C-alpha atoms as a PDB file:
ATOM      1  CA  UNK A   1       0.552  47.946  10.443  1.00  0.00           C
ATOM      2  CA  UNK A   2      -1.591  46.045  12.896  1.00  0.00           C
ATOM      3  CA  UNK A   3      -4.110  45.241  10.205  1.00  0.00           C
ATOM      4  CA  UNK A   4      -1.290  44.023   7.825  1.00  0.00           C
ATOM      5  CA  UNK A   5       0.250  41.896  10.552  1.00  0.00           C
ATOM      6  CA  UNK A   6      -3.148  40.447  11.382  1.00  0.00           C
ATOM      7  CA  UNK A   7      -3.765  39.472   7.805  1.00  0.00           C
ATOM      8  CA  UNK A   8      -0.432  37.788   7.623  1.00  0.00           C
ATOM      9  CA  UNK A   9      -1.101  35.829  10.735  1.00  0.00           C
ATOM     10  CA  UNK A  10      -4.396  34.690   9.422  1.00  0.00           C
ATOM     11  CA  UNK A  11      -2.794  33.568   6.154  1.00  0.00           C
ATOM     12  CA  UNK A  12      -0.150  31.580   8.021  1.00  0.00           C
ATOM     13  CA  UNK A  13      -2.825  29.884  10.191  1.00  0.00           C
ATOM     14  CA  UNK A  14      -4.825  28.961   7.019  1.00  0.00           C
ATOM     15  CA  UNK A  15      -1.714  27.531   5.428  1.00  0.00           C
ATOM     16  CA  UNK A  16      -1.052  25.497   8.491  1.00  0.00           C
ATOM     17  CA  UNK A  17      -4.583  24.116   8.555  1.00  0.00           C
ATOM     18  CA  UNK A  18      -4.598  23.224   4.839  1.00  0.00           C
ATOM     19  CA  UNK A  19      -2.677  19.872   5.204  1.00  0.00           C
ATOM     20  CA  UNK A  20      -4.931  18.820   8.062  1.00  0.00           C
ATOM     21  CA  UNK A  21      -8.034  19.675   6.003  1.00  0.00           C
ATOM     22  CA  UNK A  22      -6.724  17.586   3.137  1.00  0.00           C
ATOM     23  CA  UNK A  23      -5.883  14.761   5.447  1.00  0.00           C
ATOM     24  CA  UNK A  24      -9.396  14.849   6.970  1.00  0.00           C
ATOM     25  CA  UNK A  25     -10.888  14.810   3.454  1.00  0.00           C
ATOM     26  CA  UNK A  26      -8.821  11.708   2.581  1.00  0.00           C
ATOM     27  CA  UNK A  27     -10.178   9.949   5.647  1.00  0.00           C
ATOM     28  CA  UNK A  28     -13.774  10.800   4.793  1.00  0.00           C
ATOM     29  CA  UNK A  29     -13.255   9.608   1.239  1.00  0.00           C
ATOM     30  CA  UNK A  30     -13.009   6.055   2.398  1.00  0.00           C
ATOM     31  CA  UNK A  31      -9.939   4.913   0.597  1.00  0.00           C
ATOM     32  CA  UNK A  32      -8.350   1.494   1.188  1.00  0.00           C
ATOM     33  CA  UNK A  33      -5.422  -0.264  -0.439  1.00  0.00           C
ATOM     34  CA  UNK A  34      -5.671  -3.551  -2.269  1.00  0.00           C
ATOM     35  CA  UNK A  35      -3.201  -6.111  -3.558  1.00  0.00           C
ATOM     36  CA  UNK A  36      -4.205  -9.213  -5.499  1.00  0.00           C
ATOM     37  CA  UNK A  37      -2.085 -12.109  -6.780  1.00  0.00           C
ATOM     38  CA  UNK A  38      -3.334 -14.309  -9.646  1.00  0.00           C
ATOM     39  CA  UNK A  39      -3.160 -18.082 -10.110  1.00  0.00           C
ATOM     40  CA  UNK A  40       0.442 -17.830 -11.370  1.00  0.00           C
ATOM     41  CA  UNK A  41       1.578 -16.071  -8.221  1.00  0.00           C
ATOM     42  CA  UNK A  42       1.884 -12.704  -9.978  1.00  0.00           C
ATOM     43  CA  UNK A  43       0.758  -9.492  -8.312  1.00  0.00           C
ATOM     44  CA  UNK A  44      -1.865  -8.007 -10.595  1.00  0.00           C
ATOM     45  CA  UNK A  45      -2.676  -5.273  -8.102  1.00  0.00           C
ATOM     46  CA  UNK A  46       0.024  -3.968  -5.661  1.00  0.00           C
ATOM     47  CA  UNK A  47      -1.151  -1.590  -2.964  1.00  0.00           C
ATOM     48  CA  UNK A  48      -3.593   0.111  -5.251  1.00  0.00           C
ATOM     49  CA  UNK A  49      -5.920   2.763  -3.799  1.00  0.00           C
ATOM     50  CA  UNK A  50      -9.484   1.686  -4.061  1.00  0.00           C
ATOM     51  CA  UNK A  51     -12.708   3.594  -2.957  1.00  0.00           C
ATOM     52  CA  UNK A  52     -14.589   2.236  -0.090  1.00  0.00           C
ATOM     53  CA  UNK A  53     -18.404   2.127  -0.072  1.00  0.00           C
ATOM     54  CA  UNK A  54     -21.188  -0.250   0.676  1.00  0.00           C
ATOM     55  CA  UNK A  55     -21.194  -1.907  -2.694  1.00  0.00           C
ATOM     56  CA  UNK A  56     -23.341  -4.870  -1.692  1.00  0.00           C
ATOM     57  CA  UNK A  57     -25.770  -2.665   0.219  1.00  0.00           C
ATOM     58  CA  UNK A  58     -25.792  -4.759   3.406  1.00  0.00           C
ATOM     59  CA  UNK A  59     -25.376  -1.809   5.684  1.00  0.00           C
ATOM     60  CA  UNK A  60     -21.752  -2.495   6.486  1.00  0.00           C
ATOM     61  CA  UNK A  61     -18.234  -1.919   5.051  1.00  0.00           C
ATOM     62  CA  UNK A  62     -16.611  -5.261   4.506  1.00  0.00           C
ATOM     63  CA  UNK A  63     -14.099  -7.229   2.627  1.00  0.00           C
ATOM     64  CA  UNK A  64     -16.755  -8.099   0.086  1.00  0.00           C
ATOM     65  CA  UNK A  65     -17.301  -4.372  -0.625  1.00  0.00           C
ATOM     66  CA  UNK A  66     -13.568  -3.827  -1.280  1.00  0.00           C
ATOM     67  CA  UNK A  67     -13.127  -6.698  -3.554  1.00  0.00           C
ATOM     68  CA  UNK A  68     -16.159  -5.731  -5.508  1.00  0.00           C
ATOM     69  CA  UNK A  69     -14.802  -2.148  -5.865  1.00  0.00           C
ATOM     70  CA  UNK A  70     -11.296  -3.308  -6.753  1.00  0.00           C
ATOM     71  CA  UNK A  71     -12.631  -5.414  -9.641  1.00  0.00           C
ATOM     72  CA  UNK A  72     -14.966  -2.661 -10.771  1.00  0.00           C
ATOM     73  CA  UNK A  73     -12.073  -0.156 -10.906  1.00  0.00           C
ATOM     74  CA  UNK A  74      -9.262  -2.353 -12.172  1.00  0.00           C
ATOM     75  CA  UNK A  75     -10.418  -5.661 -13.772  1.00  0.00           C
ATOM     76  CA  UNK A  76     -11.185  -5.888 -17.513  1.00  0.00           C
ATOM     77  CA  UNK A  77     -14.651  -7.447 -16.669  1.00  0.00           C
ATOM     78  CA  UNK A  78     -15.399  -5.022 -13.869  1.00  0.00           C
ATOM     79  CA  UNK A  79     -17.448  -6.339 -11.047  1.00  0.00           C
ATOM     80  CA  UNK A  80     -18.091  -9.492 -13.029  1.00  0.00           C
ATOM     81  CA  UNK A  81     -14.524 -10.498 -12.340  1.00  0.00           C
ATOM     82  CA  UNK A  82     -15.406 -11.187  -8.778  1.00  0.00           C
ATOM     83  CA  UNK A  83     -18.171 -13.130  -6.987  1.00  0.00           C
ATOM     84  CA  UNK A  84     -18.863 -14.508  -3.443  1.00  0.00           C
ATOM     85  CA  UNK A  85     -21.598 -16.492  -1.828  1.00  0.00           C
ATOM     86  CA  UNK A  86     -22.857 -17.437   1.590  1.00  0.00           C
ATOM     87  CA  UNK A  87     -21.407 -20.697   2.860  1.00  0.00           C
ATOM     88  CA  UNK A  88     -21.334 -22.615   6.173  1.00  0.00           C
ATOM     89  CA  UNK A  89     -18.068 -20.630   6.891  1.00  0.00           C
ATOM     90  CA  UNK A  90     -19.671 -17.179   6.168  1.00  0.00           C
ATOM     91  CA  UNK A  91     -19.477 -15.276   2.885  1.00  0.00           C
ATOM     92  CA  UNK A  92     -16.667 -16.877   0.785  1.00  0.00           C
ATOM     93  CA  UNK A  93     -14.992 -15.989  -2.448  1.00  0.00           C
ATOM     94  CA  UNK A  94     -16.147 -17.985  -5.430  1.00  0.00           C
ATOM     95  CA  UNK A  95     -14.390 -16.024  -8.129  1.00  0.00           C
ATOM     96  CA  UNK A  96     -11.321 -13.813  -7.915  1.00  0.00           C
ATOM     97  CA  UNK A  97      -9.714 -11.822 -10.791  1.00  0.00           C
ATOM     98  CA  UNK A  98     -11.902 -13.780 -13.167  1.00  0.00           C
ATOM     99  CA  UNK A  99     -10.708 -17.187 -11.879  1.00  0.00           C
ATOM    100  CA  UNK A 100     -13.177 -19.841 -10.426  1.00  0.00           C
ATOM    101  CA  UNK A 101     -11.311 -22.755  -8.871  1.00  0.00           C
ATOM    102  CA  UNK A 102     -13.706 -24.251  -6.363  1.00  0.00           C
ATOM    103  CA  UNK A 103     -12.863 -21.914  -3.521  1.00  0.00           C
ATOM    104  CA  UNK A 104      -9.100 -22.019  -3.207  1.00  0.00           C
ATOM    105  CA  UNK A 105      -8.448 -18.399  -2.291  1.00  0.00           C
ATOM    106  CA  UNK A 106      -6.827 -16.523   0.535  1.00  0.00           C
ATOM    107  CA  UNK A 107      -7.455 -13.119   2.011  1.00  0.00           C
ATOM    108  CA  UNK A 108      -5.657 -11.056   4.627  1.00  0.00           C
ATOM    109  CA  UNK A 109      -6.398  -7.534   6.010  1.00  0.00           C
ATOM    110  CA  UNK A 110      -3.359  -5.722   7.482  1.00  0.00           C
ATOM    111  CA  UNK A 111      -1.537  -9.076   7.376  1.00  0.00           C
ATOM    112  CA  UNK A 112      -4.198 -10.901   9.435  1.00  0.00           C
ATOM    113  CA  UNK A 113      -6.072 -13.736   7.902  1.00  0.00           C
ATOM    114  CA  UNK A 114      -9.855 -12.995   7.239  1.00  0.00           C
ATOM    115  CA  UNK A 115     -12.461 -15.374   8.444  1.00  0.00           C
ATOM    116  CA  UNK A 116     -14.905 -14.469   5.663  1.00  0.00           C
ATOM    117  CA  UNK A 117     -15.826 -11.739   3.178  1.00  0.00           C
ATOM    118  CA  UNK A 118     -18.041 -10.282   5.873  1.00  0.00           C
ATOM    119  CA  UNK A 119     -15.070  -9.210   7.936  1.00  0.00           C
ATOM    120  CA  UNK A 120     -15.179  -5.370   8.594  1.00  0.00           C
ATOM    121  CA  UNK A 121     -12.822  -3.041   6.917  1.00  0.00           C
ATOM    122  CA  UNK A 122     -11.845   0.537   7.566  1.00  0.00           C
ATOM    123  CA  UNK A 123     -10.337   3.381   5.559  1.00  0.00           C
ATOM    124  CA  UNK A 124      -6.587   3.061   5.346  1.00  0.00           C
ATOM    125  CA  UNK A 125      -6.593  -0.735   5.631  1.00  0.00           C
ATOM    126  CA  UNK A 126      -4.572  -2.965   3.304  1.00  0.00           C
ATOM    127  CA  UNK A 127      -6.446  -5.946   1.855  1.00  0.00           C
ATOM    128  CA  UNK A 128      -4.512  -8.745   0.134  1.00  0.00           C
ATOM    129  CA  UNK A 129      -6.343 -11.421  -1.750  1.00  0.00           C
ATOM    130  CA  UNK A 130      -4.828 -14.208  -3.736  1.00  0.00           C
ATOM    131  CA  UNK A 131      -5.731 -17.226  -5.826  1.00  0.00           C
ATOM    132  CA  UNK A 132      -3.998 -20.462  -4.714  1.00  0.00           C
ATOM    133  CA  UNK A 133      -1.211 -21.622  -7.133  1.00  0.00           C
ATOM    134  CA  UNK A 134      -1.311 -24.994  -5.395  1.00  0.00           C
ATOM    135  CA  UNK A 135      -4.882 -26.283  -5.393  1.00  0.00           C
ATOM    136  CA  UNK A 136      -3.774 -29.823  -4.453  1.00  0.00           C
ATOM    137  CA  UNK A 137      -1.395 -29.535  -1.496  1.00  0.00           C
ATOM    138  CA  UNK A 138      -2.521 -25.986  -0.666  1.00  0.00           C
ATOM    139  CA  UNK A 139       1.062 -24.935   0.136  1.00  0.00           C
ATOM    140  CA  UNK A 140       0.608 -21.261  -0.570  1.00  0.00           C
ATOM    141  CA  UNK A 141       2.030 -19.231   2.253  1.00  0.00           C
ATOM    142  CA  UNK A 142       1.117 -15.573   2.824  1.00  0.00           C
ATOM    143  CA  UNK A 143       4.156 -13.276   3.006  1.00  0.00           C
ATOM    144  CA  UNK A 144       4.552  -9.575   3.515  1.00  0.00           C
ATOM    145  CA  UNK A 145       7.119  -6.808   4.010  1.00  0.00           C
ATOM    146  CA  UNK A 146       7.062  -4.559   7.045  1.00  0.00           C
ATOM    147  CA  UNK A 147       6.339  -1.630   4.739  1.00  0.00           C
ATOM    148  CA  UNK A 148       4.176  -1.496   1.615  1.00  0.00           C
ATOM    149  CA  UNK A 149       5.383   1.871   0.296  1.00  0.00           C
ATOM    150  CA  UNK A 150       8.742   3.671   0.369  1.00  0.00           C
ATOM    151  CA  UNK A 151      10.184   6.862  -1.079  1.00  0.00           C
ATOM    152  CA  UNK A 152      14.016   6.832  -1.233  1.00  0.00           C
ATOM    153  CA  UNK A 153      16.824   8.525  -3.128  1.00  0.00           C
ATOM    154  CA  UNK A 154      18.824   6.636  -5.765  1.00  0.00           C
ATOM    155  CA  UNK A 155      21.901   5.135  -4.083  1.00  0.00           C
ATOM    156  CA  UNK A 156      20.389   5.431  -0.630  1.00  0.00           C
ATOM    157  CA  UNK A 157      20.304   2.118   1.391  1.00  0.00           C
ATOM    158  CA  UNK A 158      16.890   1.059   2.836  1.00  0.00           C
ATOM    159  CA  UNK A 159      16.020  -2.009   4.816  1.00  0.00           C
ATOM    160  CA  UNK A 160      12.948  -4.227   4.497  1.00  0.00           C
ATOM    161  CA  UNK A 161      11.981  -7.258   6.576  1.00  0.00           C
ATOM    162  CA  UNK A 162      10.073 -10.210   5.007  1.00  0.00           C
ATOM    163  CA  UNK A 163       7.732 -12.349   7.086  1.00  0.00           C
ATOM    164  CA  UNK A 164       5.294 -15.102   6.379  1.00  0.00           C
ATOM    165  CA  UNK A 165       2.176 -16.542   8.117  1.00  0.00           C
ATOM    166  CA  UNK A 166       1.936 -20.256   8.775  1.00  0.00           C
ATOM    167  CA  UNK A 167      -0.040 -22.445  11.065  1.00  0.00           C
ATOM    168  CA  UNK A 168       0.803 -24.641  14.048  1.00  0.00           C
ATOM    169  CA  UNK A 169      -0.561 -28.174  14.764  1.00  0.00           C
ATOM    170  CA  UNK A 170      -3.804 -26.600  16.081  1.00  0.00           C
ATOM    171  CA  UNK A 171      -4.243 -24.339  13.029  1.00  0.00           C
ATOM    172  CA  UNK A 172      -3.317 -21.246  15.029  1.00  0.00           C
ATOM    173  CA  UNK A 173      -1.576 -18.591  12.864  1.00  0.00           C
ATOM    174  CA  UNK A 174       2.205 -18.311  13.426  1.00  0.00           C
ATOM    175  CA  UNK A 175       4.426 -15.525  11.995  1.00  0.00           C
ATOM    176  CA  UNK A 176       7.985 -16.163  11.136  1.00  0.00           C
ATOM    177  CA  UNK A 177      10.870 -14.498   9.294  1.00  0.00           C
ATOM    178  CA  UNK A 178      11.670 -15.642   5.836  1.00  0.00           C
ATOM    179  CA  UNK A 179      15.334 -16.249   5.446  1.00  0.00           C
ATOM    180  CA  UNK A 180      17.208 -16.758   2.150  1.00  0.00           C
ATOM    181  CA  UNK A 181      14.493 -15.236   0.004  1.00  0.00           C
ATOM    182  CA  UNK A 182      15.639 -13.544  -3.239  1.00  0.00           C
ATOM    183  CA  UNK A 183      14.344 -10.005  -3.799  1.00  0.00           C
ATOM    184  CA  UNK A 184      12.718  -9.202  -7.034  1.00  0.00           C
ATOM    185  CA  UNK A 185      12.499  -5.746  -8.717  1.00  0.00           C
ATOM    186  CA  UNK A 186       9.525  -5.560 -11.122  1.00  0.00           C
ATOM    187  CA  UNK A 187       9.534  -9.420 -11.195  1.00  0.00           C
ATOM    188  CA  UNK A 188      13.294  -9.735 -12.038  1.00  0.00           C
ATOM    189  CA  UNK A 189      15.609 -11.382  -9.571  1.00  0.00           C
ATOM    190  CA  UNK A 190      18.277  -9.211  -7.913  1.00  0.00           C
ATOM    191  CA  UNK A 191      21.461 -10.027  -5.928  1.00  0.00           C
ATOM    192  CA  UNK A 192      19.702  -9.008  -2.742  1.00  0.00           C
ATOM    193  CA  UNK A 193      18.795 -11.867  -0.327  1.00  0.00           C
ATOM    194  CA  UNK A 194      17.132 -11.734   3.069  1.00  0.00           C
ATOM    195  CA  UNK A 195      19.181 -12.759   6.213  1.00  0.00           C
ATOM    196  CA  UNK A 196      18.212 -15.120   9.026  1.00  0.00           C
ATOM    197  CA  UNK A 197      15.914 -12.355  10.396  1.00  0.00           C
ATOM    198  CA  UNK A 198      14.113 -11.885   7.148  1.00  0.00           C
ATOM    199  CA  UNK A 199      15.811  -8.464   6.706  1.00  0.00           C
ATOM    200  CA  UNK A 200      17.487  -7.149   3.540  1.00  0.00           C
ATOM    201  CA  UNK A 201      19.133  -3.808   2.731  1.00  0.00           C
ATOM    202  CA  UNK A 202      18.261  -2.592  -0.731  1.00  0.00           C
ATOM    203  CA  UNK A 203      19.940   0.061  -2.926  1.00  0.00           C
ATOM    204  CA  UNK A 204      18.197   1.368  -6.032  1.00  0.00           C
ATOM    205  CA  UNK A 205      20.636   2.723  -8.668  1.00  0.00           C
ATOM    206  CA  UNK A 206      18.202   4.800 -10.759  1.00  0.00           C
ATOM    207  CA  UNK A 207      15.015   6.837 -10.315  1.00  0.00           C
ATOM    208  CA  UNK A 208      11.510   5.628 -11.026  1.00  0.00           C
ATOM    209  CA  UNK A 209       8.770   3.388  -9.677  1.00  0.00           C
ATOM    210  CA  UNK A 210       9.762  -0.107  -8.570  1.00  0.00           C
ATOM    211  CA  UNK A 211       7.645  -2.976  -7.340  1.00  0.00           C
ATOM    212  CA  UNK A 212       9.545  -5.003  -4.815  1.00  0.00           C
ATOM    213  CA  UNK A 213       8.625  -8.661  -4.079  1.00  0.00           C
ATOM    214  CA  UNK A 214      10.365 -11.822  -3.058  1.00  0.00           C
ATOM    215  CA  UNK A 215      10.611 -15.628  -3.724  1.00  0.00           C
ATOM    216  CA  UNK A 216      12.310 -18.658  -2.191  1.00  0.00           C
ATOM    217  CA  UNK A 217      12.692 -22.299  -3.074  1.00  0.00           C
ATOM    218  CA  UNK A 218      11.882 -23.358   0.511  1.00  0.00           C
ATOM    219  CA  UNK A 219       8.319 -22.019   0.586  1.00  0.00           C
ATOM    220  CA  UNK A 220       5.496 -21.336  -1.857  1.00  0.00           C
ATOM    221  CA  UNK A 221       5.182 -17.741  -0.972  1.00  0.00           C
ATOM    222  CA  UNK A 222       2.466 -15.377  -2.123  1.00  0.00           C
ATOM    223  CA  UNK A 223       4.304 -12.308  -3.552  1.00  0.00           C
ATOM    224  CA  UNK A 224       4.882  -9.733  -0.886  1.00  0.00           C
ATOM    225  CA  UNK A 225       4.590  -6.250  -2.291  1.00  0.00           C
ATOM    226  CA  UNK A 226       6.330  -2.964  -1.536  1.00  0.00           C
ATOM    227  CA  UNK A 227       5.973  -0.048  -4.013  1.00  0.00           C
ATOM    228  CA  UNK A 228       9.032   2.041  -4.011  1.00  0.00           C
ATOM    229  CA  UNK A 229       9.377   5.554  -5.461  1.00  0.00           C
ATOM    230  CA  UNK A 230      13.026   6.354  -6.205  1.00  0.00           C
ATOM    231  CA  UNK A 231      14.112   9.905  -6.626  1.00  0.00           C
ATOM    232  CA  UNK A 232      17.246  10.823  -8.607  1.00  0.00           C
ATOM    233  CA  UNK A 233      19.804  12.888  -6.847  1.00  0.00           C
ATOM    234  CA  UNK A 234      19.291  15.767  -9.285  1.00  0.00           C
ATOM    235  CA  UNK A 235      15.548  15.711  -8.644  1.00  0.00           C
ATOM    236  CA  UNK A 236      16.072  15.756  -4.932  1.00  0.00           C
ATOM    237  CA  UNK A 237      18.473  18.716  -5.306  1.00  0.00           C
ATOM    238  CA  UNK A 238      16.067  20.598  -7.461  1.00  0.00           C
ATOM    239  CA  UNK A 239      13.231  20.170  -4.919  1.00  0.00           C
ATOM    240  CA  UNK A 240      15.378  21.370  -2.007  1.00  0.00           C
ATOM    241  CA  UNK A 241      16.665  24.335  -4.050  1.00  0.00           C
ATOM    242  CA  UNK A 242      13.149  25.281  -5.181  1.00  0.00           C
ATOM    243  CA  UNK A 243      11.950  25.099  -1.578  1.00  0.00           C
ATOM    244  CA  UNK A 244      14.822  27.419  -0.364  1.00  0.00           C
ATOM    245  CA  UNK A 245      14.034  29.876  -3.165  1.00  0.00           C
ATOM    246  CA  UNK A 246      10.377  29.961  -2.205  1.00  0.00           C
ATOM    247  CA  UNK A 247      11.225  30.604   1.480  1.00  0.00           C
ATOM    248  CA  UNK A 248      13.591  33.398   0.523  1.00  0.00           C
ATOM    249  CA  UNK A 249      11.024  35.111  -1.727  1.00  0.00           C
ATOM    250  CA  UNK A 250       8.365  34.766   0.969  1.00  0.00           C
ATOM    251  CA  UNK A 251      10.687  36.261   3.584  1.00  0.00           C
ATOM    252  CA  UNK A 252      11.669  39.139   1.311  1.00  0.00           C
ATOM    253  CA  UNK A 253       8.080  39.859   0.573  1.00  0.00           C
ATOM    254  CA  UNK A 254       7.201  39.815   4.250  1.00  0.00           C
ATOM    255  CA  UNK A 255       9.966  42.405   4.990  1.00  0.00           C
ATOM    256  CA  UNK A 256       8.720  44.662   2.239  1.00  0.00           C
ATOM    257  CA  UNK A 257       5.175  44.547   3.599  1.00  0.00           C
ATOM    258  CA  UNK A 258       6.296  45.425   7.093  1.00  0.00           C
ATOM    259  CA  UNK A 259       8.408  48.392   5.794  1.00  0.00           C
ATOM    260  CA  UNK A 260       5.495  49.770   3.731  1.00  0.00           C
ATOM    261  CA  UNK A 261       3.206  49.415   6.742  1.00  0.00           C
ATOM    262  CA  UNK A 262       5.579  51.532   8.893  1.00  0.00           C
ATOM    263  CA  UNK A 263       5.664  54.268   6.400  1.00  0.00           C
ATOM    264  CA  UNK A 264       1.890  54.253   5.806  1.00  0.00           C
END
């Protein structure tokens, strides 16, 4: 019986360590998340997982590496869809998503503006790069939700908050809530609108994957992105039921093994 109990304890310990091992492997894999908006203000990548490696072989992991990898993995022209070069301001983007417009691009990491493509980046970071839609007045304003991914049940209310980054008279970044913005589901306007605090409570009626973004007539916003996975009620019920059945079967098996051990 002691031997059987010991084996069961070992199996339980290994089962508990498995998620941690998987998590550690994910960290070691060097994955980052990338969003890109094109010259029309359309998100062409929305929180897409991209591998992180020293693509330009300069001995550091930087924004430049991530953008090279994102284009290699997702753009029709591969790495040729992106380019950068050294300038007086550091390494700057000269082509993004196949578009060359004289240097009118923006780039943020974890909702903080980059100083150049040489800025360091770490696994798990979110990089958002965009092509200016206004190359005359440069009115494009970076916006973001407080969450980039969500998993909810159909009919279940969930709240997001929309903010944007502007600049004061001294060109210091200033973050403010975006009020009165219309929420878009997969590019289509909905009846949901942000309040004076930039918050909005959403409800998804059916299951599936939905890309949430926002627009307003008062600011030229880059499209904030939030990828939402909506579970149907029946799917959720099936998952819970299956989990309960598995637990019951495992418990029954454990009892049988203990009884057999006692009679051995």
